[in-house]
């Protein structure tokens, strides 16, 4: 077999490993990004422990096919980048925040779809995922809800004690 074919097999195995290690993979269409814009995006993803990579669509399609996932065949065309994330929402949120903070990116980077916890998510689903707060924020809100009744009880008891003295 040719060296090129062997190199492609290695890349397909690398992609399969990254898909398996990630809780979500966001498929993004990009167009006319400057070097600074790509660098800023990569840094944002890196800070969230995500990885922004550009692979050939055919190699990614082959990796998904070998994993038994055929939903991405229609989305893997044109200039496509892939964001491999350790959680379900961070990649979508970073893209949405980048587009919101830099309106010029709205036409340059557009989420196509995602692979979240073994399931295909369309572009509308990616937008919904971007609206979900991070795990840390959700935990903080939950703890605040759990702590509120106890704090209110302590406040009322203190008020009653202050009235009697």
C-alpha atoms as a PDB file:
ATOM      1  CA  UNK A   1       0.000   0.000   0.000  1.00  0.00           C
ATOM      2  CA  UNK A   2       1.118   3.548  -0.645  1.00  0.00           C
ATOM      3  CA  UNK A   3       2.542   5.804   2.039  1.00  0.00           C
ATOM      4  CA  UNK A   4      -0.250   8.308   1.397  1.00  0.00           C
ATOM      5  CA  UNK A   5      -2.907   5.679   2.086  1.00  0.00           C
ATOM      6  CA  UNK A   6      -1.170   4.654   5.309  1.00  0.00           C
ATOM      7  CA  UNK A   7      -0.906   8.301   6.406  1.00  0.00           C
ATOM      8  CA  UNK A   8      -4.637   8.753   5.802  1.00  0.00           C
ATOM      9  CA  UNK A   9      -5.406   5.646   7.864  1.00  0.00           C
ATOM     10  CA  UNK A  10      -3.377   7.113  10.741  1.00  0.00           C
ATOM     11  CA  UNK A  11      -5.314  10.404  10.510  1.00  0.00           C
ATOM     12  CA  UNK A  12      -8.659   8.536  10.485  1.00  0.00           C
ATOM     13  CA  UNK A  13      -7.604   6.635  13.623  1.00  0.00           C
ATOM     14  CA  UNK A  14      -6.576   9.936  15.251  1.00  0.00           C
ATOM     15  CA  UNK A  15      -9.986  11.453  14.442  1.00  0.00           C
ATOM     16  CA  UNK A  16     -11.786   8.387  15.802  1.00  0.00           C
ATOM     17  CA  UNK A  17      -9.767   8.637  19.022  1.00  0.00           C
ATOM     18  CA  UNK A  18     -10.631  12.328  19.403  1.00  0.00           C
ATOM     19  CA  UNK A  19     -14.319  11.667  18.771  1.00  0.00           C
ATOM     20  CA  UNK A  20     -14.280   8.873  21.341  1.00  0.00           C
ATOM     21  CA  UNK A  21     -12.516  11.020  23.939  1.00  0.00           C
ATOM     22  CA  UNK A  22     -14.854  14.002  23.460  1.00  0.00           C
ATOM     23  CA  UNK A  23     -18.328  14.461  24.892  1.00  0.00           C
ATOM     24  CA  UNK A  24     -19.144  16.721  21.956  1.00  0.00           C
ATOM     25  CA  UNK A  25     -17.808  17.519  18.514  1.00  0.00           C
ATOM     26  CA  UNK A  26     -19.030  20.721  16.865  1.00  0.00           C
ATOM     27  CA  UNK A  27     -18.862  20.912  13.070  1.00  0.00           C
ATOM     28  CA  UNK A  28     -18.315  24.502  11.922  1.00  0.00           C
ATOM     29  CA  UNK A  29     -18.335  26.133   8.489  1.00  0.00           C
ATOM     30  CA  UNK A  30     -15.653  28.812   8.244  1.00  0.00           C
ATOM     31  CA  UNK A  31     -14.913  31.247   5.465  1.00  0.00           C
ATOM     32  CA  UNK A  32     -12.452  34.137   5.004  1.00  0.00           C
ATOM     33  CA  UNK A  33     -11.124  34.056   8.586  1.00  0.00           C
ATOM     34  CA  UNK A  34      -8.005  36.097   9.172  1.00  0.00           C
ATOM     35  CA  UNK A  35      -5.025  34.630  10.979  1.00  0.00           C
ATOM     36  CA  UNK A  36      -5.783  36.796  14.030  1.00  0.00           C
ATOM     37  CA  UNK A  37      -9.415  35.618  14.124  1.00  0.00           C
ATOM     38  CA  UNK A  38      -8.391  31.957  13.904  1.00  0.00           C
ATOM     39  CA  UNK A  39      -5.714  32.455  16.565  1.00  0.00           C
ATOM     40  CA  UNK A  40      -8.210  34.142  18.908  1.00  0.00           C
ATOM     41  CA  UNK A  41     -10.709  31.317  18.354  1.00  0.00           C
ATOM     42  CA  UNK A  42      -8.077  28.654  18.976  1.00  0.00           C
ATOM     43  CA  UNK A  43      -7.019  30.416  22.197  1.00  0.00           C
ATOM     44  CA  UNK A  44     -10.634  30.604  23.377  1.00  0.00           C
ATOM     45  CA  UNK A  45     -11.099  26.909  22.696  1.00  0.00           C
ATOM     46  CA  UNK A  46      -7.773  26.020  24.305  1.00  0.00           C
ATOM     47  CA  UNK A  47      -8.753  27.924  27.493  1.00  0.00           C
ATOM     48  CA  UNK A  48     -11.872  25.727  27.704  1.00  0.00           C
ATOM     49  CA  UNK A  49      -9.860  22.514  27.068  1.00  0.00           C
ATOM     50  CA  UNK A  50     -11.362  22.209  23.583  1.00  0.00           C
ATOM     51  CA  UNK A  51      -9.433  21.563  20.403  1.00  0.00           C
ATOM     52  CA  UNK A  52     -10.133  23.365  17.118  1.00  0.00           C
ATOM     53  CA  UNK A  53      -8.881  21.348  14.131  1.00  0.00           C
ATOM     54  CA  UNK A  54      -9.315  21.362  10.385  1.00  0.00           C
ATOM     55  CA  UNK A  55      -9.384  17.954   8.717  1.00  0.00           C
ATOM     56  CA  UNK A  56     -10.353  16.799   5.264  1.00  0.00           C
ATOM     57  CA  UNK A  57     -14.080  16.130   5.140  1.00  0.00           C
ATOM     58  CA  UNK A  58     -13.568  12.721   3.540  1.00  0.00           C
ATOM     59  CA  UNK A  59     -11.322  11.587   6.395  1.00  0.00           C
ATOM     60  CA  UNK A  60     -13.828  12.742   9.023  1.00  0.00           C
ATOM     61  CA  UNK A  61     -16.660  11.085   7.105  1.00  0.00           C
ATOM     62  CA  UNK A  62     -14.625   7.868   7.027  1.00  0.00           C
ATOM     63  CA  UNK A  63     -13.974   8.097  10.794  1.00  0.00           C
ATOM     64  CA  UNK A  64     -17.682   8.619  11.548  1.00  0.00           C
ATOM     65  CA  UNK A  65     -18.615   5.783   9.181  1.00  0.00           C
ATOM     66  CA  UNK A  66     -16.206   3.453  10.977  1.00  0.00           C
ATOM     67  CA  UNK A  67     -17.861   4.469  14.274  1.00  0.00           C
ATOM     68  CA  UNK A  68     -21.257   3.623  12.780  1.00  0.00           C
ATOM     69  CA  UNK A  69     -22.507   7.217  12.519  1.00  0.00           C
ATOM     70  CA  UNK A  70     -23.840   8.253   9.102  1.00  0.00           C
ATOM     71  CA  UNK A  71     -25.780  11.413  10.016  1.00  0.00           C
ATOM     72  CA  UNK A  72     -22.947  13.804   9.097  1.00  0.00           C
ATOM     73  CA  UNK A  73     -22.637  12.936   5.412  1.00  0.00           C
ATOM     74  CA  UNK A  74     -24.670  15.983   4.270  1.00  0.00           C
ATOM     75  CA  UNK A  75     -22.841  18.402   6.571  1.00  0.00           C
ATOM     76  CA  UNK A  76     -19.299  17.419   5.645  1.00  0.00           C
ATOM     77  CA  UNK A  77     -18.773  19.657   2.624  1.00  0.00           C
ATOM     78  CA  UNK A  78     -17.024  22.957   2.039  1.00  0.00           C
ATOM     79  CA  UNK A  79     -14.579  24.586   4.421  1.00  0.00           C
ATOM     80  CA  UNK A  80     -15.204  22.731   7.671  1.00  0.00           C
ATOM     81  CA  UNK A  81     -13.517  22.883  11.065  1.00  0.00           C
ATOM     82  CA  UNK A  82     -14.100  20.586  14.017  1.00  0.00           C
ATOM     83  CA  UNK A  83     -14.155  21.466  17.716  1.00  0.00           C
ATOM     84  CA  UNK A  84     -13.540  18.533  20.071  1.00  0.00           C
ATOM     85  CA  UNK A  85     -14.868  19.344  23.568  1.00  0.00           C
ATOM     86  CA  UNK A  86     -14.653  17.647  26.974  1.00  0.00           C
ATOM     87  CA  UNK A  87     -18.234  18.662  27.788  1.00  0.00           C
ATOM     88  CA  UNK A  88     -21.513  19.079  25.940  1.00  0.00           C
ATOM     89  CA  UNK A  89     -21.870  22.860  25.723  1.00  0.00           C
ATOM     90  CA  UNK A  90     -18.519  24.670  25.824  1.00  0.00           C
ATOM     91  CA  UNK A  91     -17.739  24.510  22.095  1.00  0.00           C
ATOM     92  CA  UNK A  92     -21.176  25.813  21.123  1.00  0.00           C
ATOM     93  CA  UNK A  93     -20.995  28.544  23.768  1.00  0.00           C
ATOM     94  CA  UNK A  94     -17.559  29.751  22.689  1.00  0.00           C
ATOM     95  CA  UNK A  95     -18.648  30.023  19.060  1.00  0.00           C
ATOM     96  CA  UNK A  96     -21.822  31.903  20.027  1.00  0.00           C
ATOM     97  CA  UNK A  97     -19.847  34.250  22.315  1.00  0.00           C
ATOM     98  CA  UNK A  98     -17.233  34.917  19.610  1.00  0.00           C
ATOM     99  CA  UNK A  99     -19.938  35.787  17.084  1.00  0.00           C
ATOM    100  CA  UNK A 100     -21.728  37.994  19.642  1.00  0.00           C
ATOM    101  CA  UNK A 101     -18.544  39.819  20.689  1.00  0.00           C
ATOM    102  CA  UNK A 102     -17.242  40.224  17.128  1.00  0.00           C
ATOM    103  CA  UNK A 103     -20.196  40.732  14.752  1.00  0.00           C
ATOM    104  CA  UNK A 104     -17.941  40.462  11.691  1.00  0.00           C
ATOM    105  CA  UNK A 105     -17.572  36.740  12.528  1.00  0.00           C
ATOM    106  CA  UNK A 106     -21.310  36.124  12.061  1.00  0.00           C
ATOM    107  CA  UNK A 107     -20.854  35.381   8.363  1.00  0.00           C
ATOM    108  CA  UNK A 108     -17.406  33.856   8.704  1.00  0.00           C
ATOM    109  CA  UNK A 109     -18.043  31.078  11.225  1.00  0.00           C
ATOM    110  CA  UNK A 110     -21.342  29.210  11.302  1.00  0.00           C
ATOM    111  CA  UNK A 111     -22.070  26.012  13.266  1.00  0.00           C
ATOM    112  CA  UNK A 112     -23.422  23.273  10.981  1.00  0.00           C
ATOM    113  CA  UNK A 113     -24.148  20.516  13.468  1.00  0.00           C
ATOM    114  CA  UNK A 114     -22.693  18.644  16.420  1.00  0.00           C
ATOM    115  CA  UNK A 115     -22.168  15.161  17.792  1.00  0.00           C
ATOM    116  CA  UNK A 116     -23.151  15.305  21.457  1.00  0.00           C
ATOM    117  CA  UNK A 117     -22.989  12.252  23.727  1.00  0.00           C
ATOM    118  CA  UNK A 118     -23.323   9.904  20.770  1.00  0.00           C
ATOM    119  CA  UNK A 119     -26.210  11.731  19.079  1.00  0.00           C
ATOM    120  CA  UNK A 120     -26.481  13.986  16.028  1.00  0.00           C
ATOM    121  CA  UNK A 121     -27.572  17.574  16.750  1.00  0.00           C
ATOM    122  CA  UNK A 122     -28.602  19.919  13.917  1.00  0.00           C
ATOM    123  CA  UNK A 123     -27.760  23.648  13.645  1.00  0.00           C
ATOM    124  CA  UNK A 124     -30.820  24.689  15.676  1.00  0.00           C
ATOM    125  CA  UNK A 125     -29.831  22.261  18.410  1.00  0.00           C
ATOM    126  CA  UNK A 126     -26.336  23.755  18.460  1.00  0.00           C
ATOM    127  CA  UNK A 127     -27.864  27.202  19.062  1.00  0.00           C
ATOM    128  CA  UNK A 128     -29.922  25.773  21.932  1.00  0.00           C
ATOM    129  CA  UNK A 129     -26.826  24.126  23.420  1.00  0.00           C
ATOM    130  CA  UNK A 130     -25.004  27.461  23.259  1.00  0.00           C
ATOM    131  CA  UNK A 131     -27.741  29.018  25.415  1.00  0.00           C
ATOM    132  CA  UNK A 132     -27.239  26.500  28.233  1.00  0.00           C
ATOM    133  CA  UNK A 133     -24.970  27.843  30.985  1.00  0.00           C
ATOM    134  CA  UNK A 134     -21.791  25.969  31.839  1.00  0.00           C
ATOM    135  CA  UNK A 135     -21.784  23.146  34.371  1.00  0.00           C
ATOM    136  CA  UNK A 136     -20.173  25.349  37.013  1.00  0.00           C
ATOM    137  CA  UNK A 137     -22.869  28.029  36.635  1.00  0.00           C
ATOM    138  CA  UNK A 138     -25.641  25.423  36.842  1.00  0.00           C
ATOM    139  CA  UNK A 139     -24.097  23.918  39.980  1.00  0.00           C
ATOM    140  CA  UNK A 140     -23.792  27.363  41.569  1.00  0.00           C
ATOM    141  CA  UNK A 141     -27.457  28.091  40.823  1.00  0.00           C
ATOM    142  CA  UNK A 142     -28.511  24.739  42.261  1.00  0.00           C
ATOM    143  CA  UNK A 143     -26.469  25.298  45.422  1.00  0.00           C
ATOM    144  CA  UNK A 144     -27.965  28.771  45.762  1.00  0.00           C
ATOM    145  CA  UNK A 145     -31.458  27.264  45.543  1.00  0.00           C
ATOM    146  CA  UNK A 146     -30.593  24.653  48.159  1.00  0.00           C
ATOM    147  CA  UNK A 147     -29.024  27.210  50.461  1.00  0.00           C
ATOM    148  CA  UNK A 148     -31.798  29.829  50.180  1.00  0.00           C
ATOM    149  CA  UNK A 149     -34.358  28.199  52.544  1.00  0.00           C
ATOM    150  CA  UNK A 150     -31.761  27.707  55.278  1.00  0.00           C
ATOM    151  CA  UNK A 151     -30.476  31.276  54.889  1.00  0.00           C
ATOM    152  CA  UNK A 152     -34.030  32.629  55.029  1.00  0.00           C
ATOM    153  CA  UNK A 153     -34.769  30.592  58.165  1.00  0.00           C
ATOM    154  CA  UNK A 154     -31.620  31.940  59.824  1.00  0.00           C
ATOM    155  CA  UNK A 155     -32.610  35.487  58.853  1.00  0.00           C
ATOM    156  CA  UNK A 156     -36.132  35.076  60.327  1.00  0.00           C
ATOM    157  CA  UNK A 157     -34.810  33.505  63.546  1.00  0.00           C
ATOM    158  CA  UNK A 158     -32.313  36.341  63.967  1.00  0.00           C
ATOM    159  CA  UNK A 159     -35.074  38.915  63.408  1.00  0.00           C
ATOM    160  CA  UNK A 160     -37.246  37.223  66.050  1.00  0.00           C
ATOM    161  CA  UNK A 161     -34.325  37.139  68.506  1.00  0.00           C
ATOM    162  CA  UNK A 162     -33.566  40.823  67.865  1.00  0.00           C
ATOM    163  CA  UNK A 163     -37.226  41.770  68.564  1.00  0.00           C
ATOM    164  CA  UNK A 164     -37.226  40.033  71.964  1.00  0.00           C
ATOM    165  CA  UNK A 165     -34.085  41.755  73.198  1.00  0.00           C
END
